[in-house]
Amino acid sequence: MSVREALPENWCHDVGVKAPLLISTQAPFKDWLGLLGRMVLGAFVTAAIVTYFNFPAEAAGWSVVAVLVVVGYTAGASLVAGIQRMEGSIVGVICGAVAVAIFGNYLWIPFIVVIAVTASLSICRLIRIGTGFRLSAALSAFFVFIPGSEEVSTVGWRLAATLIGILIAMLIVMIIWPARADSQVRKAIAVRVDDSMLVVDAGFARWEGTDGPDGAADALKRIKAGTTAINASISERSHERVGAFPVATYQTLATALAEMMTAAIRLDRVAVHRDGDMQFPFVTQRYEEILGNCRIVAGHVSKLLLTDDTSDRAGMLESAKPLTSVASDIAKALEDMRGRHVTQDASAEQLQRLFSVGLLIEHWADSVHSLAVAFAES
């Protein structure tokens, strides 16, 4: 089974393919069902808790809001969102209370709101509370508008309900019904490896004047999107305690993958067929052999990523050994071509393409070898 067949439909959402402006992409249906289930479960449990303890109706609703805001597609993302919103809630209440205590009897309420919101946002930036800054500012302003005799009671219930919702959400996504970013990272890297190989094969086939594999155009769009989405998923993975491979391994793989994609994109640009380009079959045959070795190694890496199988790393290193001599192999093939005195009838443009394709294949093979070594030795 190929990497593409192993991935769910519409996986482009998770590997970062850019969508047209104002048209949103959708996660795979299976992932969406998981998100729906976690949200519904969290909302039910939280509503049951605040109802059992007779929370005021106005405050109780905020517990469900907190669950729906915190629960995400992965445990790592949900954990970050939960902690940051928890910190933001506490900062917001404190800033609102202090602003009211100091300026409540002297300033008009809009001015107090400005002071409270400014203080909460500034503190959030100072102590690096990420996405929780919005909730912090909202709570600080909310505190200002509560009548003096009800401030502590109303805001206290509101804060307690919010914290309960956040804690329930984190408990569900981390323990009860976890969704690991680790799986998304592995699948995203695997599909980019597969896409890069597809683009290289299609480009080389085009240069030879033959039909290339299907799907190369879509694969090219995906690799042009870069590794931004993958790096974001790796960041989410760093907040999870368990996974198939360490975070450092994924970071190293992402760096090597970026080099692979760059080489593939450049080869696609250079590999244009012109009449007479195939008059050096002994050189192009060597190019084909090198790409065949790269295909084996890249496929090996993809398979290990998708299956979590770490037992055959030695086999992957063994299959990558021929890639260490690619530079000398290409140089030897070009020297043989010169020795045969067959370049007299070749134009400068043809020779330039021949050398450019060879150089890019060398870069491609080197990046594939780096990816295999980084994975095997991590």
Protein backbone atom coordinates (compact mmCIF):
# COMPACT_ATOMS: atom_id res chain seq x y z
CA MET A 1 0.00 0.00 0.00
CA SER A 2 1.40 3.40 -0.93
CA VAL A 3 1.67 6.33 1.44
CA ARG A 4 -1.11 8.15 -0.36
CA GLU A 5 -3.48 5.19 -0.01
CA ALA A 6 -2.71 4.99 3.71
CA LEU A 7 -3.79 8.57 4.31
CA PRO A 8 -7.39 9.68 4.79
CA GLU A 9 -9.18 11.65 2.15
CA ASN A 10 -8.64 15.44 2.34
CA TRP A 11 -5.42 14.96 4.30
CA CYS A 12 -4.19 18.13 2.61
CA HIS A 13 -5.87 20.01 5.46
CA ASP A 14 -3.38 18.58 7.93
CA VAL A 15 -0.29 18.87 5.79
CA GLY A 16 -0.84 22.51 5.11
CA VAL A 17 -2.06 22.88 1.53
CA LYS A 18 -3.19 26.46 1.07
CA ALA A 19 -6.82 26.96 0.19
CA PRO A 20 -8.28 29.82 -1.84
CA LEU A 21 -9.14 32.94 0.12
CA LEU A 22 -12.40 32.69 2.10
CA ILE A 23 -12.77 28.97 1.30
CA SER A 24 -12.08 26.87 4.39
CA THR A 25 -10.60 23.40 4.26
CA GLN A 26 -12.03 20.54 6.26
CA ALA A 27 -10.34 17.94 8.38
CA PRO A 28 -10.77 14.25 7.49
CA PHE A 29 -14.19 13.00 8.54
CA LYS A 30 -12.71 10.57 11.05
CA ASP A 31 -10.82 13.37 12.80
CA TRP A 32 -13.92 15.56 12.78
CA LEU A 33 -15.96 12.78 14.40
CA GLY A 34 -13.33 12.45 17.10
CA LEU A 35 -13.43 16.19 17.76
CA LEU A 36 -17.23 16.13 17.86
CA GLY A 37 -17.23 13.24 20.33
CA ARG A 38 -14.74 14.92 22.67
CA MET A 39 -16.65 18.20 22.61
CA VAL A 40 -20.00 16.54 23.29
CA LEU A 41 -18.55 14.41 26.08
CA GLY A 42 -16.83 17.42 27.65
CA ALA A 43 -19.96 19.55 27.42
CA PHE A 44 -22.06 16.81 29.05
CA VAL A 45 -19.66 16.15 31.92
CA THR A 46 -19.10 19.84 32.61
CA ALA A 47 -22.82 20.64 32.49
CA ALA A 48 -23.49 17.76 34.88
CA ILE A 49 -20.90 19.05 37.37
CA VAL A 50 -22.08 22.67 37.44
CA THR A 51 -25.71 21.53 37.62
CA TYR A 52 -25.00 19.17 40.50
CA PHE A 53 -23.24 21.92 42.48
CA ASN A 54 -25.98 24.47 41.71
CA PHE A 55 -23.82 27.02 39.89
CA PRO A 56 -25.68 30.23 38.97
CA ALA A 57 -27.13 29.92 35.48
CA GLU A 58 -25.10 32.82 34.10
CA ALA A 59 -21.82 31.33 35.29
CA ALA A 60 -22.67 27.72 34.48
CA GLY A 61 -22.86 28.38 30.76
CA TRP A 62 -19.26 29.55 30.70
CA SER A 63 -18.06 26.10 31.75
CA VAL A 64 -19.41 24.61 28.53
CA VAL A 65 -17.96 27.49 26.51
CA ALA A 66 -14.53 26.74 28.03
CA VAL A 67 -14.74 23.09 26.98
CA LEU A 68 -15.68 23.94 23.42
CA VAL A 69 -12.88 26.49 23.13
CA VAL A 70 -10.14 24.25 24.56
CA VAL A 71 -10.87 20.87 22.94
CA GLY A 72 -8.90 20.59 19.70
CA TYR A 73 -7.89 17.99 17.14
CA THR A 74 -4.80 16.93 19.10
CA ALA A 75 -3.91 16.52 22.76
CA GLY A 76 -0.90 18.80 22.39
CA ALA A 77 -2.90 21.69 20.95
CA SER A 78 -5.64 21.24 23.55
CA LEU A 79 -3.15 21.18 26.41
CA VAL A 80 -1.54 24.43 25.29
CA ALA A 81 -4.92 26.09 24.80
CA GLY A 82 -6.14 24.91 28.20
CA ILE A 83 -3.11 26.07 30.17
CA GLN A 84 -2.97 29.45 28.42
CA ARG A 85 -6.66 30.13 28.92
CA MET A 86 -6.43 29.08 32.55
CA GLU A 87 -3.56 31.52 33.10
CA GLY A 88 -5.39 34.20 31.14
CA SER A 89 -8.53 33.80 33.24
CA ILE A 90 -6.65 34.29 36.49
CA VAL A 91 -4.73 37.30 35.17
CA GLY A 92 -7.92 38.89 33.85
CA VAL A 93 -9.79 38.57 37.14
CA ILE A 94 -6.88 40.00 39.10
CA CYS A 95 -6.45 42.95 36.72
CA GLY A 96 -10.17 43.74 36.78
CA ALA A 97 -10.31 43.54 40.57
CA VAL A 98 -7.27 45.77 41.05
CA ALA A 99 -8.53 48.35 38.54
CA VAL A 100 -11.93 48.55 40.28
CA ALA A 101 -10.37 48.71 43.74
CA ILE A 102 -8.06 51.59 42.81
CA PHE A 103 -10.15 53.63 40.37
CA GLY A 104 -13.72 52.53 41.06
CA ASN A 105 -14.64 55.66 43.01
CA TYR A 106 -12.75 58.15 40.86
CA LEU A 107 -13.08 57.34 37.16
CA TRP A 108 -15.85 56.80 34.67
CA ILE A 109 -16.41 53.08 33.94
CA PRO A 110 -15.16 53.21 30.29
CA PHE A 111 -11.81 54.54 31.56
CA ILE A 112 -11.60 51.75 34.14
CA VAL A 113 -12.28 49.20 31.39
CA VAL A 114 -9.42 50.64 29.35
CA ILE A 115 -7.06 50.40 32.33
CA ALA A 116 -8.10 46.84 33.19
CA VAL A 117 -7.88 45.58 29.61
CA THR A 118 -4.54 47.29 29.01
CA ALA A 119 -3.11 45.85 32.21
CA SER A 120 -4.31 42.31 31.45
CA LEU A 121 -3.00 42.34 27.88
CA SER A 122 0.34 43.80 28.97
CA ILE A 123 0.82 41.18 31.69
CA CYS A 124 -0.14 38.38 29.30
CA ARG A 125 2.52 39.58 26.90
CA LEU A 126 5.06 39.99 29.67
CA ILE A 127 4.64 36.45 31.00
CA ARG A 128 4.02 35.02 27.52
CA ILE A 129 0.45 33.83 27.80
CA GLY A 130 -0.33 33.02 24.16
CA THR A 131 -3.93 32.59 23.03
CA GLY A 132 -5.23 33.15 26.57
CA PHE A 133 -4.80 36.91 26.26
CA ARG A 134 -8.26 37.38 24.72
CA LEU A 135 -10.02 35.59 27.56
CA SER A 136 -7.91 37.55 30.04
CA ALA A 137 -8.97 40.88 28.55
CA ALA A 138 -12.63 39.80 28.41
CA LEU A 139 -12.67 38.76 32.08
CA SER A 140 -10.96 41.95 33.21
CA ALA A 141 -13.61 44.04 31.44
CA PHE A 142 -16.39 41.76 32.70
CA PHE A 143 -15.28 42.36 36.29
CA VAL A 144 -15.55 46.14 35.92
CA PHE A 145 -19.25 46.05 34.99
CA ILE A 146 -20.37 43.90 37.92
CA PRO A 147 -22.08 45.92 40.70
CA GLY A 148 -19.87 46.42 43.74
CA SER A 149 -21.87 44.20 46.07
CA GLU A 150 -21.82 41.29 43.62
CA GLU A 151 -18.28 41.49 42.22
CA VAL A 152 -16.63 38.75 44.22
CA SER A 153 -19.57 36.36 44.06
CA THR A 154 -20.37 36.79 40.37
CA VAL A 155 -16.79 36.79 39.09
CA GLY A 156 -15.87 33.99 41.48
CA TRP A 157 -18.57 31.71 40.08
CA ARG A 158 -17.62 32.74 36.53
CA LEU A 159 -13.94 31.97 37.10
CA ALA A 160 -14.69 28.66 38.83
CA ALA A 161 -16.96 27.54 35.99
CA THR A 162 -14.34 28.47 33.40
CA LEU A 163 -11.57 26.62 35.22
CA ILE A 164 -13.76 23.53 35.64
CA GLY A 165 -14.52 23.53 31.91
CA ILE A 166 -10.82 23.86 31.04
CA LEU A 167 -9.82 21.06 33.41
CA ILE A 168 -12.50 18.71 32.10
CA ALA A 169 -11.46 19.45 28.50
CA MET A 170 -7.80 18.73 29.27
CA LEU A 171 -8.71 15.53 31.12
CA ILE A 172 -10.68 14.25 28.14
CA VAL A 173 -8.13 15.02 25.42
CA MET A 174 -5.13 13.86 27.45
CA ILE A 175 -6.43 10.74 29.19
CA ILE A 176 -10.01 9.69 28.46
CA TRP A 177 -10.08 10.15 24.67
CA PRO A 178 -6.62 11.19 23.48
CA ALA A 179 -5.82 12.28 19.93
CA ARG A 180 -2.08 12.42 19.42
CA ALA A 181 -0.32 14.98 17.26
CA ASP A 182 2.38 12.34 16.89
CA SER A 183 0.28 10.43 14.37
CA GLN A 184 -0.42 13.55 12.32
CA VAL A 185 3.27 14.46 12.21
CA ARG A 186 4.29 11.03 10.98
CA LYS A 187 1.62 10.92 8.30
CA ALA A 188 2.36 14.48 7.15
CA ILE A 189 6.10 13.79 6.77
CA ALA A 190 5.41 10.50 5.00
CA VAL A 191 3.07 12.05 2.45
CA ARG A 192 5.53 14.88 1.73
CA VAL A 193 8.29 12.35 1.12
CA ASP A 194 5.98 10.50 -1.24
CA ASP A 195 4.95 13.74 -2.98
CA SER A 196 8.56 14.82 -3.46
CA MET A 197 9.46 11.51 -5.06
CA LEU A 198 6.41 11.76 -7.33
CA VAL A 199 7.43 15.25 -8.49
CA VAL A 200 11.00 14.12 -9.19
CA ASP A 201 9.82 11.07 -11.16
CA ALA A 202 7.38 13.20 -13.17
CA GLY A 203 10.03 15.82 -13.91
CA PHE A 204 12.58 13.27 -15.05
CA ALA A 205 10.00 11.51 -17.21
CA ARG A 206 9.09 14.83 -18.81
CA TRP A 207 12.75 15.53 -19.54
CA GLU A 208 13.02 12.13 -21.22
CA GLY A 209 9.91 12.89 -23.27
CA THR A 210 7.78 10.15 -21.68
CA ASP A 211 4.59 10.15 -19.65
CA GLY A 212 5.12 10.60 -15.94
CA PRO A 213 3.10 9.28 -12.99
CA ASP A 214 -0.38 10.65 -12.30
CA GLY A 215 -0.95 13.13 -9.50
CA ALA A 216 2.32 15.03 -9.91
CA ALA A 217 0.62 18.42 -10.28
CA ASP A 218 -1.24 18.06 -6.97
CA ALA A 219 1.90 16.73 -5.30
CA LEU A 220 3.84 19.77 -6.51
CA LYS A 221 1.25 22.09 -4.96
CA ARG A 222 1.57 20.31 -1.64
CA ILE A 223 5.34 20.44 -1.45
CA LYS A 224 5.33 24.11 -2.46
CA ALA A 225 3.35 24.75 0.72
CA GLY A 226 6.55 23.95 2.63
CA THR A 227 6.87 22.49 6.11
CA THR A 228 5.04 25.21 8.06
CA ALA A 229 2.09 22.99 8.96
CA ILE A 230 4.41 20.11 9.83
CA ASN A 231 6.45 22.33 12.14
CA ALA A 232 3.23 23.48 13.80
CA SER A 233 2.23 19.86 14.40
CA ILE A 234 5.69 19.13 15.79
CA SER A 235 5.20 22.02 18.21
CA GLU A 236 1.92 20.41 19.35
CA ARG A 237 3.71 17.06 19.63
CA SER A 238 6.26 18.65 22.00
CA HIS A 239 3.48 19.05 24.57
CA GLU A 240 2.62 15.35 24.49
CA ARG A 241 4.47 12.92 26.72
CA VAL A 242 4.23 9.85 24.50
CA GLY A 243 4.81 9.21 20.82
CA ALA A 244 6.40 6.85 18.33
CA PHE A 245 9.54 8.99 18.06
CA PRO A 246 11.08 11.85 20.08
CA VAL A 247 10.36 15.46 19.11
CA ALA A 248 14.02 15.96 18.16
CA THR A 249 13.66 13.20 15.57
CA TYR A 250 10.72 14.93 13.92
CA GLN A 251 12.56 18.26 13.91
CA THR A 252 15.55 16.66 12.18
CA LEU A 253 13.29 14.92 9.68
CA ALA A 254 11.49 18.18 8.91
CA THR A 255 14.81 19.89 8.15
CA ALA A 256 15.91 17.08 5.82
CA LEU A 257 12.44 17.02 4.24
CA ALA A 258 12.65 20.74 3.45
CA GLU A 259 15.86 20.08 1.50
CA MET A 260 14.18 17.21 -0.37
CA MET A 261 11.23 19.36 -1.38
CA THR A 262 13.47 22.21 -2.52
CA ALA A 263 15.49 19.85 -4.75
CA ALA A 264 12.28 18.34 -6.16
CA ILE A 265 10.80 21.76 -7.00
CA ARG A 266 14.00 22.88 -8.73
CA LEU A 267 14.24 19.67 -10.74
CA ASP A 268 10.64 20.13 -11.86
CA ARG A 269 11.53 23.59 -13.17
CA VAL A 270 14.65 22.51 -15.04
CA ALA A 271 13.41 19.21 -16.51
CA VAL A 272 12.01 20.42 -19.85
CA HIS A 273 12.25 18.13 -22.86
CA ARG A 274 13.77 19.31 -26.12
CA ASP A 275 14.60 17.33 -29.25
CA GLY A 276 18.06 15.87 -28.98
CA ASP A 277 18.17 15.77 -25.18
CA MET A 278 18.24 11.96 -25.15
CA GLN A 279 21.38 11.51 -27.28
CA PHE A 280 23.41 10.52 -24.20
CA PRO A 281 21.67 7.31 -23.07
CA PHE A 282 24.61 6.07 -20.99
CA VAL A 283 24.30 9.21 -18.82
CA THR A 284 20.52 9.23 -18.52
CA GLN A 285 20.56 5.53 -17.69
CA ARG A 286 22.82 6.27 -14.75
CA TYR A 287 20.46 9.05 -13.67
CA GLU A 288 17.58 6.55 -13.74
CA GLU A 289 19.51 4.09 -11.57
CA ILE A 290 20.21 6.78 -8.99
CA LEU A 291 16.54 7.81 -8.88
CA GLY A 292 15.58 4.15 -8.48
CA ASN A 293 17.83 3.87 -5.41
CA CYS A 294 16.36 7.10 -4.03
CA ARG A 295 12.87 5.71 -4.56
CA ILE A 296 13.71 2.62 -2.50
CA VAL A 297 15.15 4.64 0.39
CA ALA A 298 12.34 7.22 0.41
CA GLY A 299 9.74 4.45 0.36
CA HIS A 300 11.52 2.76 3.26
CA VAL A 301 11.36 5.93 5.35
CA SER A 302 7.67 6.45 4.54
CA LYS A 303 6.82 2.88 5.49
CA LEU A 304 8.59 3.13 8.85
CA LEU A 305 6.85 6.40 9.63
CA LEU A 306 3.41 5.00 8.87
CA THR A 307 3.87 1.70 10.69
CA ASP A 308 5.83 2.88 13.78
CA ASP A 309 8.23 0.04 12.99
CA THR A 310 11.72 0.81 14.28
CA SER A 311 13.14 -2.68 13.91
CA ASP A 312 14.45 -2.29 10.36
CA ARG A 313 16.53 0.85 10.71
CA ALA A 314 19.66 -1.11 9.89
CA GLY A 315 18.04 -2.26 6.66
CA MET A 316 17.18 1.31 5.77
CA LEU A 317 20.78 2.43 6.31
CA GLU A 318 21.97 -0.44 4.16
CA SER A 319 19.63 0.57 1.34
CA ALA A 320 20.89 4.16 1.62
CA LYS A 321 24.57 3.25 1.16
CA PRO A 322 24.53 3.51 -2.67
CA LEU A 323 23.45 7.16 -2.29
CA THR A 324 26.79 8.09 -0.70
CA SER A 325 28.57 7.70 -4.04
CA VAL A 326 26.08 9.55 -6.24
CA ALA A 327 28.34 12.57 -6.82
CA SER A 328 31.24 10.42 -8.01
CA ASP A 329 28.91 8.22 -10.08
CA ILE A 330 27.49 11.23 -11.94
CA ALA A 331 30.96 12.68 -12.44
CA LYS A 332 32.18 9.35 -13.87
CA ALA A 333 29.21 9.14 -16.24
CA LEU A 334 29.91 12.65 -17.52
CA GLU A 335 33.61 11.86 -17.92
CA ASP A 336 32.71 8.76 -19.94
CA MET A 337 30.51 10.94 -22.13
CA ARG A 338 33.38 13.30 -22.78
CA GLY A 339 35.70 10.40 -23.51
CA ARG A 340 33.35 9.12 -26.19
CA HIS A 341 33.50 12.48 -28.01
CA VAL A 342 29.73 12.57 -28.50
CA THR A 343 29.12 16.17 -27.49
CA GLN A 344 30.17 17.79 -30.77
CA ASP A 345 26.63 17.84 -32.11
CA ALA A 346 25.02 18.86 -28.79
CA SER A 347 23.97 22.45 -28.28
CA ALA A 348 25.01 24.46 -25.25
CA GLU A 349 21.38 24.45 -24.10
CA GLN A 350 21.21 20.65 -24.23
CA LEU A 351 24.44 20.24 -22.29
CA GLN A 352 23.29 22.81 -19.75
CA ARG A 353 20.08 20.84 -19.12
CA LEU A 354 22.02 17.59 -18.89
CA PHE A 355 24.41 19.01 -16.31
CA SER A 356 21.65 20.82 -14.42
CA VAL A 357 19.51 17.70 -14.14
CA GLY A 358 22.54 15.76 -12.95
CA LEU A 359 23.39 18.35 -10.33
CA LEU A 360 19.82 18.45 -9.03
CA ILE A 361 19.63 14.65 -8.93
CA GLU A 362 22.83 14.75 -6.86
CA HIS A 363 21.23 17.24 -4.46
CA TRP A 364 18.05 15.17 -4.35
CA ALA A 365 19.94 11.96 -3.57
CA ASP A 366 21.96 13.71 -0.88
CA SER A 367 18.79 15.00 0.81
CA VAL A 368 17.18 11.54 0.66
CA HIS A 369 20.31 10.04 2.22
CA SER A 370 20.29 12.72 4.95
CA LEU A 371 16.64 11.94 5.70
CA ALA A 372 17.35 8.21 6.03
CA VAL A 373 20.43 8.70 8.19
CA ALA A 374 18.65 11.23 10.44
CA PHE A 375 15.77 8.82 10.92
CA ALA A 376 17.93 5.74 11.48
CA GLU A 377 20.35 7.36 13.92
CA SER A 378 17.86 9.39 15.94
